[in-house]
């Protein structure tokens, strides 16, 4: 089964014999526990936000963050309870004290699925650009949201120690095309059949690897200017996580040669023991 990996495609022709979403997945594969999460990122010129729900070895976690660029203010919260965050298909909802999010999510490009071997087992992901419309309330102020972003669904049996760098963003090319990207190093990063993707007007193309700068201020020829940063560190007996995800703006050239006129999104560095 693992000999057929890595796989990259639209979800058809996936390797036989592997439990993959949307079907059920065993809670363990050998000695490796199942990890799964859904992350919604929305990146616009006025507001950038994310919301997600994760389960690592059965332990739930929910998180959300809002970066309002005009007021230069970041709201965020991470909780071991998931009731205040919901990310079902086609929606993202948060109701948490001073912040509420109520968004409709529509596909804005090709879905890309990747299955890779990892730590003696396998991991799966699906990435897809989205358009988010709806309402965002910040301490009683309600704002209309109409922006593009990315949906990240991930599940699998990652190695005991896993680390990656990641960038996701959206924008407009110098030629006026709507673009989105998903760039990574450390997981799903084989020379071919990786999750590295650039979407131009919704059409997906795999791109070559590009190095992430040590300071997370660039990936290849794509430059990043951070504006606000989510940081979280957890260290428990069996599980640990060290996480950075700054919101900001991008300039320069994507790995497929597309030059940006404007770009918004995130960089990320994550090291986990799980």
C-alpha atoms as a PDB file:
ATOM      1  CA  UNK A   1       0.000   0.000   0.000  1.00  0.00           C
ATOM      2  CA  UNK A   2       2.673   2.499   1.000  1.00  0.00           C
ATOM      3  CA  UNK A   3       4.682   1.602  -2.104  1.00  0.00           C
ATOM      4  CA  UNK A   4       2.133   3.552  -4.187  1.00  0.00           C
ATOM      5  CA  UNK A   5       2.912   6.811  -2.338  1.00  0.00           C
ATOM      6  CA  UNK A   6       3.126   9.707  -2.696  1.00  0.00           C
ATOM      7  CA  UNK A   7      -0.192  10.297  -4.413  1.00  0.00           C
ATOM      8  CA  UNK A   8      -1.423  13.669  -5.695  1.00  0.00           C
ATOM      9  CA  UNK A   9      -4.727  14.210  -7.477  1.00  0.00           C
ATOM     10  CA  UNK A  10      -8.317  15.348  -7.287  1.00  0.00           C
ATOM     11  CA  UNK A  11      -9.374  12.455  -5.064  1.00  0.00           C
ATOM     12  CA  UNK A  12      -9.897   9.888  -7.823  1.00  0.00           C
ATOM     13  CA  UNK A  13      -7.515   6.968  -8.258  1.00  0.00           C
ATOM     14  CA  UNK A  14      -6.270   7.098  -4.682  1.00  0.00           C
ATOM     15  CA  UNK A  15      -4.111   4.212  -3.404  1.00  0.00           C
ATOM     16  CA  UNK A  16      -6.091   1.103  -2.526  1.00  0.00           C
ATOM     17  CA  UNK A  17      -6.076  -0.355   0.950  1.00  0.00           C
ATOM     18  CA  UNK A  18      -5.600   2.892   2.926  1.00  0.00           C
ATOM     19  CA  UNK A  19      -8.276   4.309   5.213  1.00  0.00           C
ATOM     20  CA  UNK A  20      -8.768   7.888   4.006  1.00  0.00           C
ATOM     21  CA  UNK A  21     -11.350  10.659   4.506  1.00  0.00           C
ATOM     22  CA  UNK A  22     -14.241  11.007   4.117  1.00  0.00           C
ATOM     23  CA  UNK A  23     -14.376   7.408   5.333  1.00  0.00           C
ATOM     24  CA  UNK A  24     -13.552   6.405   8.912  1.00  0.00           C
ATOM     25  CA  UNK A  25      -9.907   6.086   9.968  1.00  0.00           C
ATOM     26  CA  UNK A  26      -8.674   3.849  12.805  1.00  0.00           C
ATOM     27  CA  UNK A  27      -7.639   5.661  15.959  1.00  0.00           C
ATOM     28  CA  UNK A  28      -4.201   4.077  15.656  1.00  0.00           C
ATOM     29  CA  UNK A  29      -2.009   2.760  12.881  1.00  0.00           C
ATOM     30  CA  UNK A  30       0.537   0.543  14.555  1.00  0.00           C
ATOM     31  CA  UNK A  31       1.948   2.665  17.364  1.00  0.00           C
ATOM     32  CA  UNK A  32       0.956   5.977  15.776  1.00  0.00           C
ATOM     33  CA  UNK A  33      -2.231   7.738  16.929  1.00  0.00           C
ATOM     34  CA  UNK A  34      -4.497   9.509  14.482  1.00  0.00           C
ATOM     35  CA  UNK A  35      -4.188  13.295  14.139  1.00  0.00           C
ATOM     36  CA  UNK A  36      -6.730  15.275  12.185  1.00  0.00           C
ATOM     37  CA  UNK A  37      -7.686  18.912  11.776  1.00  0.00           C
ATOM     38  CA  UNK A  38      -9.580  21.381   9.659  1.00  0.00           C
ATOM     39  CA  UNK A  39      -8.153  24.896   9.259  1.00  0.00           C
ATOM     40  CA  UNK A  40      -9.983  27.738   7.537  1.00  0.00           C
ATOM     41  CA  UNK A  41      -7.888  30.771   6.626  1.00  0.00           C
ATOM     42  CA  UNK A  42      -9.410  33.950   5.176  1.00  0.00           C
ATOM     43  CA  UNK A  43      -6.980  36.612   4.035  1.00  0.00           C
ATOM     44  CA  UNK A  44      -8.203  40.039   2.918  1.00  0.00           C
ATOM     45  CA  UNK A  45      -6.887  43.605   2.708  1.00  0.00           C
ATOM     46  CA  UNK A  46      -9.029  44.707   5.678  1.00  0.00           C
ATOM     47  CA  UNK A  47      -9.282  41.616   7.858  1.00  0.00           C
ATOM     48  CA  UNK A  48      -7.448  38.309   8.057  1.00  0.00           C
ATOM     49  CA  UNK A  49      -8.743  35.463  10.194  1.00  0.00           C
ATOM     50  CA  UNK A  50      -8.512  31.746  10.841  1.00  0.00           C
ATOM     51  CA  UNK A  51     -10.592  29.164  12.650  1.00  0.00           C
ATOM     52  CA  UNK A  52     -10.056  25.480  13.189  1.00  0.00           C
ATOM     53  CA  UNK A  53     -10.734  22.307  15.118  1.00  0.00           C
ATOM     54  CA  UNK A  54      -8.148  19.595  15.734  1.00  0.00           C
ATOM     55  CA  UNK A  55      -7.932  16.216  17.430  1.00  0.00           C
ATOM     56  CA  UNK A  56      -4.531  14.786  18.270  1.00  0.00           C
ATOM     57  CA  UNK A  57      -4.594  11.280  19.749  1.00  0.00           C
ATOM     58  CA  UNK A  58      -8.233  11.939  20.648  1.00  0.00           C
ATOM     59  CA  UNK A  59      -7.484  15.220  22.470  1.00  0.00           C
ATOM     60  CA  UNK A  60      -9.646  18.048  21.059  1.00  0.00           C
ATOM     61  CA  UNK A  61      -8.551  21.617  20.483  1.00  0.00           C
ATOM     62  CA  UNK A  62     -10.291  24.585  18.886  1.00  0.00           C
ATOM     63  CA  UNK A  63      -8.763  27.902  17.889  1.00  0.00           C
ATOM     64  CA  UNK A  64      -9.537  31.145  16.116  1.00  0.00           C
ATOM     65  CA  UNK A  65      -7.830  34.461  15.427  1.00  0.00           C
ATOM     66  CA  UNK A  66      -8.794  37.761  13.800  1.00  0.00           C
ATOM     67  CA  UNK A  67      -6.315  40.387  12.634  1.00  0.00           C
ATOM     68  CA  UNK A  68      -7.983  43.734  11.863  1.00  0.00           C
ATOM     69  CA  UNK A  69      -5.456  45.609   9.784  1.00  0.00           C
ATOM     70  CA  UNK A  70      -7.018  49.077  10.122  1.00  0.00           C
ATOM     71  CA  UNK A  71      -6.998  49.123  13.918  1.00  0.00           C
ATOM     72  CA  UNK A  72      -3.829  46.990  14.125  1.00  0.00           C
ATOM     73  CA  UNK A  73      -5.506  44.719  16.646  1.00  0.00           C
ATOM     74  CA  UNK A  74      -5.331  40.940  17.029  1.00  0.00           C
ATOM     75  CA  UNK A  75      -8.017  38.889  18.752  1.00  0.00           C
ATOM     76  CA  UNK A  76      -7.353  35.194  19.341  1.00  0.00           C
ATOM     77  CA  UNK A  77      -8.186  32.248  21.545  1.00  0.00           C
ATOM     78  CA  UNK A  78      -7.255  28.567  21.795  1.00  0.00           C
ATOM     79  CA  UNK A  79      -9.325  26.187  23.892  1.00  0.00           C
ATOM     80  CA  UNK A  80      -9.478  22.518  24.763  1.00  0.00           C
ATOM     81  CA  UNK A  81     -13.254  22.795  24.322  1.00  0.00           C
ATOM     82  CA  UNK A  82     -14.583  22.860  20.766  1.00  0.00           C
ATOM     83  CA  UNK A  83     -18.161  24.067  21.328  1.00  0.00           C
ATOM     84  CA  UNK A  84     -17.425  27.691  20.404  1.00  0.00           C
ATOM     85  CA  UNK A  85     -15.865  26.930  17.020  1.00  0.00           C
ATOM     86  CA  UNK A  86     -17.596  25.082  14.174  1.00  0.00           C
ATOM     87  CA  UNK A  87     -16.164  24.465  10.707  1.00  0.00           C
ATOM     88  CA  UNK A  88     -18.594  22.105   8.958  1.00  0.00           C
ATOM     89  CA  UNK A  89     -18.543  21.834   5.174  1.00  0.00           C
ATOM     90  CA  UNK A  90     -19.269  25.240   3.671  1.00  0.00           C
ATOM     91  CA  UNK A  91     -19.254  27.237   6.910  1.00  0.00           C
ATOM     92  CA  UNK A  92     -17.057  28.768   9.586  1.00  0.00           C
ATOM     93  CA  UNK A  93     -18.677  29.886  12.836  1.00  0.00           C
ATOM     94  CA  UNK A  94     -17.224  31.233  16.057  1.00  0.00           C
ATOM     95  CA  UNK A  95     -19.121  32.507  19.097  1.00  0.00           C
ATOM     96  CA  UNK A  96     -16.617  33.376  21.797  1.00  0.00           C
ATOM     97  CA  UNK A  97     -17.144  36.295  24.176  1.00  0.00           C
ATOM     98  CA  UNK A  98     -16.273  39.508  22.321  1.00  0.00           C
ATOM     99  CA  UNK A  99     -15.902  37.951  18.847  1.00  0.00           C
ATOM    100  CA  UNK A 100     -18.321  36.147  16.551  1.00  0.00           C
ATOM    101  CA  UNK A 101     -17.728  34.860  13.032  1.00  0.00           C
ATOM    102  CA  UNK A 102     -20.451  33.651  10.680  1.00  0.00           C
ATOM    103  CA  UNK A 103     -19.152  32.868   7.208  1.00  0.00           C
ATOM    104  CA  UNK A 104     -20.296  30.926   4.162  1.00  0.00           C
ATOM    105  CA  UNK A 105     -17.397  29.204   2.375  1.00  0.00           C
ATOM    106  CA  UNK A 106     -17.577  28.533  -1.359  1.00  0.00           C
ATOM    107  CA  UNK A 107     -14.959  26.686  -3.444  1.00  0.00           C
ATOM    108  CA  UNK A 108     -12.771  29.070  -5.450  1.00  0.00           C
ATOM    109  CA  UNK A 109     -10.466  26.608  -7.181  1.00  0.00           C
ATOM    110  CA  UNK A 110      -9.453  23.011  -7.769  1.00  0.00           C
ATOM    111  CA  UNK A 111      -9.182  20.717  -4.766  1.00  0.00           C
ATOM    112  CA  UNK A 112      -5.784  19.017  -4.407  1.00  0.00           C
ATOM    113  CA  UNK A 113      -5.369  15.826  -2.374  1.00  0.00           C
ATOM    114  CA  UNK A 114      -2.020  14.353  -1.367  1.00  0.00           C
ATOM    115  CA  UNK A 115      -1.196  11.121   0.470  1.00  0.00           C
ATOM    116  CA  UNK A 116       2.405  10.639   1.591  1.00  0.00           C
ATOM    117  CA  UNK A 117       4.345   8.109   3.598  1.00  0.00           C
ATOM    118  CA  UNK A 118       5.437   9.474   6.965  1.00  0.00           C
ATOM    119  CA  UNK A 119       7.228   7.904   9.911  1.00  0.00           C
ATOM    120  CA  UNK A 120       6.498   4.369   8.758  1.00  0.00           C
ATOM    121  CA  UNK A 121       2.823   5.123   8.175  1.00  0.00           C
ATOM    122  CA  UNK A 122       0.962   7.695   6.049  1.00  0.00           C
ATOM    123  CA  UNK A 123      -0.644  11.135   6.132  1.00  0.00           C
ATOM    124  CA  UNK A 124      -3.367  12.730   4.000  1.00  0.00           C
ATOM    125  CA  UNK A 125      -4.278  16.315   3.182  1.00  0.00           C
ATOM    126  CA  UNK A 126      -6.678  18.215   0.946  1.00  0.00           C
ATOM    127  CA  UNK A 127      -6.175  21.881   0.129  1.00  0.00           C
ATOM    128  CA  UNK A 128      -8.666  24.110  -1.698  1.00  0.00           C
ATOM    129  CA  UNK A 129      -9.017  27.862  -2.269  1.00  0.00           C
ATOM    130  CA  UNK A 130     -12.226  29.362  -0.960  1.00  0.00           C
ATOM    131  CA  UNK A 131     -14.272  32.524  -0.991  1.00  0.00           C
ATOM    132  CA  UNK A 132     -15.717  33.583   2.354  1.00  0.00           C
ATOM    133  CA  UNK A 133     -18.716  35.879   2.726  1.00  0.00           C
ATOM    134  CA  UNK A 134     -20.629  36.806   5.840  1.00  0.00           C
ATOM    135  CA  UNK A 135     -20.351  38.789   9.044  1.00  0.00           C
ATOM    136  CA  UNK A 136     -17.667  39.342  11.663  1.00  0.00           C
ATOM    137  CA  UNK A 137     -18.464  40.994  14.986  1.00  0.00           C
ATOM    138  CA  UNK A 138     -15.675  42.482  17.106  1.00  0.00           C
ATOM    139  CA  UNK A 139     -16.731  43.835  20.495  1.00  0.00           C
ATOM    140  CA  UNK A 140     -20.105  44.946  19.166  1.00  0.00           C
ATOM    141  CA  UNK A 141     -18.904  46.244  15.777  1.00  0.00           C
ATOM    142  CA  UNK A 142     -20.184  44.177  12.863  1.00  0.00           C
ATOM    143  CA  UNK A 143     -18.165  44.048   9.648  1.00  0.00           C
ATOM    144  CA  UNK A 144     -19.045  42.495   6.304  1.00  0.00           C
ATOM    145  CA  UNK A 145     -16.513  39.959   5.038  1.00  0.00           C
ATOM    146  CA  UNK A 146     -15.951  39.121   1.366  1.00  0.00           C
ATOM    147  CA  UNK A 147     -12.470  37.689   0.883  1.00  0.00           C
ATOM    148  CA  UNK A 148     -10.548  34.715  -0.422  1.00  0.00           C
ATOM    149  CA  UNK A 149      -8.660  32.112   1.558  1.00  0.00           C
ATOM    150  CA  UNK A 150      -7.707  28.454   1.895  1.00  0.00           C
ATOM    151  CA  UNK A 151      -9.271  25.338   3.408  1.00  0.00           C
ATOM    152  CA  UNK A 152      -6.844  22.777   4.878  1.00  0.00           C
ATOM    153  CA  UNK A 153      -8.136  19.316   5.808  1.00  0.00           C
ATOM    154  CA  UNK A 154      -5.494  16.977   7.235  1.00  0.00           C
ATOM    155  CA  UNK A 155      -5.560  13.513   8.789  1.00  0.00           C
ATOM    156  CA  UNK A 156      -2.987  10.812   9.328  1.00  0.00           C
ATOM    157  CA  UNK A 157      -0.447   8.997  11.430  1.00  0.00           C
ATOM    158  CA  UNK A 158       2.435  11.453  11.574  1.00  0.00           C
ATOM    159  CA  UNK A 159       5.865  10.548  12.894  1.00  0.00           C
ATOM    160  CA  UNK A 160       6.451  10.921  16.619  1.00  0.00           C
ATOM    161  CA  UNK A 161       8.411  14.111  15.951  1.00  0.00           C
ATOM    162  CA  UNK A 162       7.161  16.224  13.054  1.00  0.00           C
ATOM    163  CA  UNK A 163       8.180  19.720  11.989  1.00  0.00           C
ATOM    164  CA  UNK A 164       7.216  21.856   9.040  1.00  0.00           C
ATOM    165  CA  UNK A 165       7.272  25.329   7.541  1.00  0.00           C
ATOM    166  CA  UNK A 166       4.152  26.415   5.663  1.00  0.00           C
ATOM    167  CA  UNK A 167       2.813  29.383   3.751  1.00  0.00           C
ATOM    168  CA  UNK A 168      -0.748  29.966   2.577  1.00  0.00           C
ATOM    169  CA  UNK A 169      -2.021  33.064   0.891  1.00  0.00           C
ATOM    170  CA  UNK A 170      -4.156  34.716  -1.737  1.00  0.00           C
ATOM    171  CA  UNK A 171      -3.821  37.770  -3.901  1.00  0.00           C
ATOM    172  CA  UNK A 172      -3.797  39.279  -7.348  1.00  0.00           C
ATOM    173  CA  UNK A 173      -1.066  38.768  -9.929  1.00  0.00           C
ATOM    174  CA  UNK A 174       0.587  41.567 -11.877  1.00  0.00           C
ATOM    175  CA  UNK A 175      -1.583  40.449 -14.822  1.00  0.00           C
ATOM    176  CA  UNK A 176      -4.783  40.780 -12.753  1.00  0.00           C
ATOM    177  CA  UNK A 177      -5.418  37.061 -12.112  1.00  0.00           C
ATOM    178  CA  UNK A 178      -6.782  35.786  -8.802  1.00  0.00           C
ATOM    179  CA  UNK A 179      -4.071  33.649  -7.218  1.00  0.00           C
ATOM    180  CA  UNK A 180      -3.686  31.433  -4.178  1.00  0.00           C
ATOM    181  CA  UNK A 181      -0.826  29.307  -2.915  1.00  0.00           C
ATOM    182  CA  UNK A 182       0.091  26.539  -0.509  1.00  0.00           C
ATOM    183  CA  UNK A 183       3.829  26.019   0.049  1.00  0.00           C
ATOM    184  CA  UNK A 184       5.437  23.633   2.517  1.00  0.00           C
ATOM    185  CA  UNK A 185       8.657  22.011   3.685  1.00  0.00           C
ATOM    186  CA  UNK A 186       8.779  19.125   6.136  1.00  0.00           C
ATOM    187  CA  UNK A 187       5.629  17.169   5.244  1.00  0.00           C
ATOM    188  CA  UNK A 188       4.013  16.246   1.895  1.00  0.00           C
ATOM    189  CA  UNK A 189       7.143  17.729   0.306  1.00  0.00           C
ATOM    190  CA  UNK A 190       8.409  15.047  -2.101  1.00  0.00           C
ATOM    191  CA  UNK A 191      10.049  16.338  -5.308  1.00  0.00           C
ATOM    192  CA  UNK A 192       6.928  15.192  -7.188  1.00  0.00           C
ATOM    193  CA  UNK A 193       3.340  14.627  -5.994  1.00  0.00           C
ATOM    194  CA  UNK A 194       3.748  17.138  -3.166  1.00  0.00           C
ATOM    195  CA  UNK A 195       1.125  19.470  -1.723  1.00  0.00           C
ATOM    196  CA  UNK A 196       3.023  22.522  -3.022  1.00  0.00           C
ATOM    197  CA  UNK A 197       0.471  24.290  -5.223  1.00  0.00           C
ATOM    198  CA  UNK A 198      -0.208  27.612  -6.903  1.00  0.00           C
ATOM    199  CA  UNK A 199      -3.720  28.347  -8.160  1.00  0.00           C
ATOM    200  CA  UNK A 200      -4.210  30.897 -10.944  1.00  0.00           C
ATOM    201  CA  UNK A 201      -7.871  31.801 -11.505  1.00  0.00           C
ATOM    202  CA  UNK A 202      -8.716  28.571  -9.675  1.00  0.00           C
ATOM    203  CA  UNK A 203      -6.552  26.216 -11.762  1.00  0.00           C
ATOM    204  CA  UNK A 204      -4.030  24.264  -9.660  1.00  0.00           C
ATOM    205  CA  UNK A 205      -0.410  23.563 -10.621  1.00  0.00           C
ATOM    206  CA  UNK A 206       2.213  21.764  -8.578  1.00  0.00           C
ATOM    207  CA  UNK A 207       5.351  23.857  -8.073  1.00  0.00           C
ATOM    208  CA  UNK A 208       8.964  23.119  -7.229  1.00  0.00           C
ATOM    209  CA  UNK A 209      10.282  23.367  -3.695  1.00  0.00           C
ATOM    210  CA  UNK A 210      11.389  26.777  -2.453  1.00  0.00           C
ATOM    211  CA  UNK A 211      13.450  27.335   0.712  1.00  0.00           C
ATOM    212  CA  UNK A 212      11.889  29.022   3.726  1.00  0.00           C
ATOM    213  CA  UNK A 213      14.015  31.767   5.253  1.00  0.00           C
ATOM    214  CA  UNK A 214      15.096  31.134   8.865  1.00  0.00           C
ATOM    215  CA  UNK A 215      13.201  34.215   9.993  1.00  0.00           C
ATOM    216  CA  UNK A 216      10.030  33.280   8.077  1.00  0.00           C
ATOM    217  CA  UNK A 217      10.348  36.502   6.076  1.00  0.00           C
ATOM    218  CA  UNK A 218      10.537  34.777   2.687  1.00  0.00           C
ATOM    219  CA  UNK A 219       9.955  31.527   0.843  1.00  0.00           C
ATOM    220  CA  UNK A 220      12.000  31.444  -2.332  1.00  0.00           C
ATOM    221  CA  UNK A 221      11.434  34.739  -4.161  1.00  0.00           C
ATOM    222  CA  UNK A 222       8.204  35.433  -2.278  1.00  0.00           C
ATOM    223  CA  UNK A 223       8.834  38.063   0.406  1.00  0.00           C
ATOM    224  CA  UNK A 224       6.766  38.321   3.567  1.00  0.00           C
ATOM    225  CA  UNK A 225       6.120  41.299   5.834  1.00  0.00           C
ATOM    226  CA  UNK A 226       4.638  40.158   9.177  1.00  0.00           C
ATOM    227  CA  UNK A 227       1.999  42.272  10.870  1.00  0.00           C
ATOM    228  CA  UNK A 228       0.670  40.161  13.762  1.00  0.00           C
ATOM    229  CA  UNK A 229       1.587  36.742  15.090  1.00  0.00           C
ATOM    230  CA  UNK A 230      -0.098  33.803  16.752  1.00  0.00           C
ATOM    231  CA  UNK A 231       2.292  31.957  19.069  1.00  0.00           C
ATOM    232  CA  UNK A 232       1.539  28.960  21.271  1.00  0.00           C
ATOM    233  CA  UNK A 233       3.699  26.464  23.136  1.00  0.00           C
ATOM    234  CA  UNK A 234       2.372  23.391  24.937  1.00  0.00           C
ATOM    235  CA  UNK A 235       4.469  20.715  26.647  1.00  0.00           C
ATOM    236  CA  UNK A 236       2.736  17.766  28.250  1.00  0.00           C
ATOM    237  CA  UNK A 237       3.970  14.310  29.183  1.00  0.00           C
ATOM    238  CA  UNK A 238       3.282  12.721  25.785  1.00  0.00           C
ATOM    239  CA  UNK A 239       2.372  15.683  23.576  1.00  0.00           C
ATOM    240  CA  UNK A 240       4.190  18.913  22.827  1.00  0.00           C
ATOM    241  CA  UNK A 241       3.744  21.683  20.285  1.00  0.00           C
ATOM    242  CA  UNK A 242       5.733  24.815  19.427  1.00  0.00           C
ATOM    243  CA  UNK A 243       3.834  26.965  16.965  1.00  0.00           C
ATOM    244  CA  UNK A 244       4.197  30.319  15.194  1.00  0.00           C
ATOM    245  CA  UNK A 245       1.810  31.696  12.579  1.00  0.00           C
ATOM    246  CA  UNK A 246       2.199  35.361  11.599  1.00  0.00           C
ATOM    247  CA  UNK A 247      -0.368  37.166   9.440  1.00  0.00           C
ATOM    248  CA  UNK A 248       0.996  39.618   6.909  1.00  0.00           C
ATOM    249  CA  UNK A 249       1.482  40.745   3.327  1.00  0.00           C
ATOM    250  CA  UNK A 250       3.436  39.216   0.462  1.00  0.00           C
ATOM    251  CA  UNK A 251       5.343  40.633  -2.488  1.00  0.00           C
ATOM    252  CA  UNK A 252       7.613  39.200  -5.134  1.00  0.00           C
ATOM    253  CA  UNK A 253       7.243  36.071  -7.231  1.00  0.00           C
ATOM    254  CA  UNK A 254       5.537  32.751  -6.584  1.00  0.00           C
ATOM    255  CA  UNK A 255       7.450  29.528  -7.354  1.00  0.00           C
ATOM    256  CA  UNK A 256       5.657  29.134 -10.711  1.00  0.00           C
ATOM    257  CA  UNK A 257       6.959  32.544 -11.837  1.00  0.00           C
ATOM    258  CA  UNK A 258       3.731  34.477 -11.173  1.00  0.00           C
ATOM    259  CA  UNK A 259       4.513  38.006 -10.029  1.00  0.00           C
ATOM    260  CA  UNK A 260       2.279  39.404  -7.306  1.00  0.00           C
ATOM    261  CA  UNK A 261       0.580  42.784  -7.398  1.00  0.00           C
ATOM    262  CA  UNK A 262      -0.795  42.196  -3.897  1.00  0.00           C
ATOM    263  CA  UNK A 263      -0.779  39.248  -1.521  1.00  0.00           C
ATOM    264  CA  UNK A 264      -2.161  38.457   1.935  1.00  0.00           C
ATOM    265  CA  UNK A 265      -1.796  35.406   4.133  1.00  0.00           C
ATOM    266  CA  UNK A 266       0.295  33.555   6.677  1.00  0.00           C
ATOM    267  CA  UNK A 267       3.609  31.912   7.276  1.00  0.00           C
ATOM    268  CA  UNK A 268       3.906  29.110   9.808  1.00  0.00           C
ATOM    269  CA  UNK A 269       6.530  27.121  11.680  1.00  0.00           C
ATOM    270  CA  UNK A 270       5.401  24.164  13.754  1.00  0.00           C
ATOM    271  CA  UNK A 271       7.350  21.511  15.654  1.00  0.00           C
ATOM    272  CA  UNK A 272       5.377  18.772  17.393  1.00  0.00           C
ATOM    273  CA  UNK A 273       5.964  15.695  19.536  1.00  0.00           C
ATOM    274  CA  UNK A 274       2.833  13.557  19.351  1.00  0.00           C
END
